[in-house]
């Protein structure tokens, strides 16, 4: 029922996008998760470096 409501709201172009996503959802979701994990770990490594830099500056 929800799918039919969404199809009605989005119209024919929305249905095409929806069908494309459903057919390729594994690849699309994998890319989204990979980018999210990359950003998560990249930000954590920046935080560790900045803490180490602060310790070096405080020792001087």
Protein backbone atom coordinates (compact mmCIF):
# COMPACT_ATOMS: atom_id res chain seq x y z
CA UNK A 1 0.00 0.00 0.00
CA UNK A 2 2.80 2.42 0.88
CA UNK A 3 4.52 1.70 -2.42
CA UNK A 4 1.37 2.58 -4.37
CA UNK A 5 1.00 5.87 -2.46
CA UNK A 6 4.64 6.78 -3.15
CA UNK A 7 4.24 5.87 -6.83
CA UNK A 8 1.17 8.10 -7.07
CA UNK A 9 2.93 11.03 -5.38
CA UNK A 10 6.17 10.76 -7.38
CA UNK A 11 4.58 10.20 -10.75
CA UNK A 12 6.18 8.39 -13.71
CA UNK A 13 9.69 9.82 -13.22
CA UNK A 14 9.64 8.94 -9.55
CA UNK A 15 8.65 5.40 -10.46
CA UNK A 16 11.63 5.14 -12.79
CA UNK A 17 13.99 6.34 -10.05
CA UNK A 18 12.33 4.04 -7.52
CA UNK A 19 12.63 1.03 -9.81
CA UNK A 20 16.27 1.84 -10.55
CA UNK A 21 17.01 2.08 -6.81
CA UNK A 22 15.21 -1.19 -6.04
CA UNK A 23 17.11 -3.01 -8.80
CA UNK A 24 20.49 -1.63 -7.66
CA UNK A 25 19.93 -1.12 -3.94
CA UNK A 26 22.78 -3.40 -2.84
CA UNK A 27 25.36 -1.43 -4.83
CA UNK A 28 23.92 1.98 -3.86
CA UNK A 29 23.70 1.10 -0.16
CA UNK A 30 27.23 -0.33 -0.20
CA UNK A 31 28.59 2.92 -1.63
CA UNK A 32 26.70 5.00 0.93
CA UNK A 33 28.00 2.86 3.80
CA UNK A 34 31.57 2.96 2.47
CA UNK A 35 31.50 6.76 2.30
CA UNK A 36 30.00 6.98 5.79
CA UNK A 37 32.66 4.68 7.29
CA UNK A 38 35.41 6.55 5.45
CA UNK A 39 34.25 9.89 6.85
CA UNK A 40 33.77 8.42 10.32
CA UNK A 41 37.28 6.99 10.52
CA UNK A 42 38.85 10.00 8.80
CA UNK A 43 37.32 12.35 11.40
CA UNK A 44 38.44 10.11 14.28
CA UNK A 45 42.01 10.07 13.03
CA UNK A 46 41.98 13.88 12.76
CA UNK A 47 40.79 14.10 16.36
CA UNK A 48 43.63 11.88 17.57
CA UNK A 49 46.21 13.91 15.65
CA UNK A 50 44.93 17.21 16.97
CA UNK A 51 45.04 15.89 20.56
CA UNK A 52 48.62 14.76 20.04
CA UNK A 53 49.53 18.15 18.55
CA UNK A 54 47.98 19.91 21.56
CA UNK A 55 50.04 17.78 23.96
CA UNK A 56 53.24 18.67 22.08
CA UNK A 57 52.40 22.39 22.20
CA UNK A 58 51.52 22.26 25.91
CA UNK A 59 54.84 20.59 26.77
CA UNK A 60 56.86 23.47 25.28
